[in-house]
Amino acid sequence: MEKNLDQKLVSIKISKLSKLIDRLLEKEIRSLGLRRGQHAILLAVADLTKPSFTELSQRLDVDKAAITRSVAACEKRGWLRTDFAQGNLKLKQVSLTKSGQQLVFEIHEAMNNVENALRSDIPSPLYSMLKDISL
């Protein structure tokens, strides 16, 4: 078997890139006092209009129980609030509080920091190609 084969496999390179992104993102998210995944919940709530737990689950491709736990944790921190939908006492909707809105702004800044680090850590042709990929 050829030496350094792992250096030639695209899947290995993508895995290493994914780990780099995870490290950068984890550092930025932790600096905001967030746990893994909470930033995604807050960004999804900001992007959707009063989403239900089911809508968040579908958007983030996470089971509803995980969404329930994450929303409850964010609610305890004062970032989210849940209310019953008007006229439907079975459907809970999630919205940002004022402090949640501020935190979303800070998350966007943190994500920009990750983007800037990626621009300097990976070759610019690859960065450009990645920006254009739609998954």
Protein backbone atom coordinates (compact mmCIF):
# COMPACT_ATOMS: atom_id res chain seq x y z
CA MET A 1 0.00 0.00 0.00
CA GLU A 2 1.22 3.47 -0.87
CA LYS A 3 2.52 5.66 1.95
CA ASN A 4 0.61 8.86 2.66
CA LEU A 5 -2.46 7.52 0.90
CA ASP A 6 -4.57 9.33 3.49
CA GLN A 7 -3.09 12.63 2.25
CA LYS A 8 -4.56 11.94 -1.20
CA LEU A 9 -8.07 10.92 -0.17
CA VAL A 10 -10.59 13.73 -0.48
CA SER A 11 -12.73 12.24 2.29
CA ILE A 12 -9.79 12.52 4.72
CA LYS A 13 -9.18 16.12 3.71
CA ILE A 14 -12.85 16.97 4.13
CA SER A 15 -12.84 15.31 7.56
CA LYS A 16 -9.83 17.40 8.60
CA LEU A 17 -11.50 20.56 7.31
CA SER A 18 -14.65 19.67 9.23
CA LYS A 19 -12.62 19.26 12.43
CA LEU A 20 -10.95 22.64 11.84
CA ILE A 21 -14.35 24.30 11.41
CA ASP A 22 -15.69 22.55 14.53
CA ARG A 23 -12.73 23.81 16.60
CA LEU A 24 -13.12 27.38 15.33
CA LEU A 25 -16.87 27.37 15.87
CA GLU A 26 -16.63 25.78 19.32
CA LYS A 27 -14.16 28.47 20.44
CA GLU A 28 -16.39 31.30 19.23
CA ILE A 29 -19.63 29.82 20.58
CA ARG A 30 -18.13 29.09 24.01
CA SER A 31 -16.92 32.68 24.26
CA LEU A 32 -20.59 33.74 24.12
CA GLY A 33 -21.55 31.41 26.96
CA LEU A 34 -23.37 29.02 24.64
CA ARG A 35 -23.28 25.25 24.57
CA ARG A 36 -22.98 23.27 21.36
CA GLY A 37 -26.13 23.54 19.29
CA GLN A 38 -27.70 26.44 21.16
CA HIS A 39 -26.46 28.88 18.54
CA ALA A 40 -28.27 26.86 15.86
CA ILE A 41 -31.55 26.99 17.80
CA LEU A 42 -31.26 30.75 18.28
CA LEU A 43 -30.39 31.36 14.63
CA ALA A 44 -33.29 29.16 13.47
CA VAL A 45 -35.75 30.99 15.73
CA ALA A 46 -34.44 34.31 14.39
CA ASP A 47 -34.85 33.08 10.82
CA LEU A 48 -38.36 31.68 11.21
CA THR A 49 -41.46 33.49 12.43
CA LYS A 50 -42.52 32.01 15.78
CA PRO A 51 -41.61 28.43 14.86
CA SER A 52 -43.11 25.43 16.59
CA PHE A 53 -40.92 22.75 18.14
CA THR A 54 -41.71 20.54 15.14
CA GLU A 55 -40.60 23.24 12.68
CA LEU A 56 -37.33 23.68 14.60
CA SER A 57 -36.83 19.93 14.65
CA GLN A 58 -37.30 19.75 10.88
CA ARG A 59 -35.15 22.81 10.17
CA LEU A 60 -32.23 21.58 12.28
CA ASP A 61 -32.70 17.86 11.51
CA VAL A 62 -32.71 17.06 15.23
CA ASP A 63 -35.27 15.02 17.16
CA LYS A 64 -38.03 16.90 18.92
CA ALA A 65 -36.85 15.84 22.40
CA ALA A 66 -33.46 17.48 21.79
CA ILE A 67 -35.22 20.65 20.59
CA THR A 68 -37.38 20.64 23.72
CA ARG A 69 -34.32 20.37 25.99
CA SER A 70 -32.38 23.05 24.10
CA VAL A 71 -35.30 25.47 24.02
CA ALA A 72 -35.86 24.94 27.77
CA ALA A 73 -32.17 25.65 28.47
CA CYS A 74 -32.29 28.82 26.35
CA GLU A 75 -35.52 29.85 28.05
CA LYS A 76 -33.88 29.51 31.48
CA ARG A 77 -31.09 31.80 30.28
CA GLY A 78 -33.65 34.36 29.15
CA TRP A 79 -32.89 34.09 25.42
CA LEU A 80 -36.13 32.45 24.27
CA ARG A 81 -39.75 32.37 25.33
CA THR A 82 -42.49 29.93 24.44
CA ASP A 83 -46.15 30.78 24.08
CA PHE A 84 -49.18 28.89 22.89
CA ALA A 85 -50.26 29.75 19.36
CA GLN A 86 -53.29 32.00 19.24
CA GLY A 87 -56.40 29.85 19.31
CA ASN A 88 -54.43 26.60 19.72
CA LEU A 89 -53.58 25.53 23.25
CA LYS A 90 -51.67 22.49 21.97
CA LEU A 91 -49.20 24.29 19.69
CA LYS A 92 -46.28 26.04 21.38
CA GLN A 93 -44.33 28.63 19.45
CA VAL A 94 -40.83 29.90 20.17
CA SER A 95 -39.61 33.48 19.93
CA LEU A 96 -36.54 35.48 20.87
CA THR A 97 -36.45 37.77 23.89
CA LYS A 98 -34.60 41.10 23.73
CA SER A 99 -31.48 39.45 25.17
CA GLY A 100 -31.92 36.61 22.66
CA GLN A 101 -32.02 39.13 19.81
CA GLN A 102 -28.79 40.70 21.09
CA LEU A 103 -27.20 37.27 21.36
CA VAL A 104 -28.17 36.45 17.77
CA PHE A 105 -26.31 39.59 16.70
CA GLU A 106 -23.26 38.38 18.65
CA ILE A 107 -23.58 34.91 17.10
CA HIS A 108 -23.48 36.50 13.64
CA GLU A 109 -20.29 38.32 14.62
CA ALA A 110 -18.80 35.04 15.92
CA MET A 111 -19.71 33.28 12.67
CA ASN A 112 -17.97 36.08 10.76
CA ASN A 113 -14.87 35.42 12.89
CA VAL A 114 -15.01 31.76 11.87
CA GLU A 115 -15.34 32.78 8.22
CA ASN A 116 -12.34 35.10 8.50
CA ALA A 117 -10.26 32.34 10.10
CA LEU A 118 -11.24 29.93 7.34
CA ARG A 119 -10.20 32.41 4.70
CA SER A 120 -6.72 32.46 6.21
CA ASP A 121 -6.51 28.73 7.05
CA ILE A 122 -7.54 27.20 3.72
CA PRO A 123 -6.41 27.96 0.17
CA SER A 124 -8.49 30.72 -1.41
CA PRO A 125 -9.57 28.66 -4.49
CA LEU A 126 -10.99 26.04 -2.13
CA TYR A 127 -12.68 28.70 0.01
CA SER A 128 -14.29 30.20 -3.11
CA MET A 129 -15.50 26.80 -4.28
CA LEU A 130 -16.96 26.00 -0.86
CA LYS A 131 -18.88 29.29 -0.80
CA ASP A 132 -20.59 28.33 -4.05
CA ILE A 133 -21.57 24.79 -3.05
CA SER A 134 -25.21 24.35 -2.13
CA LEU A 135 -25.89 21.37 0.12
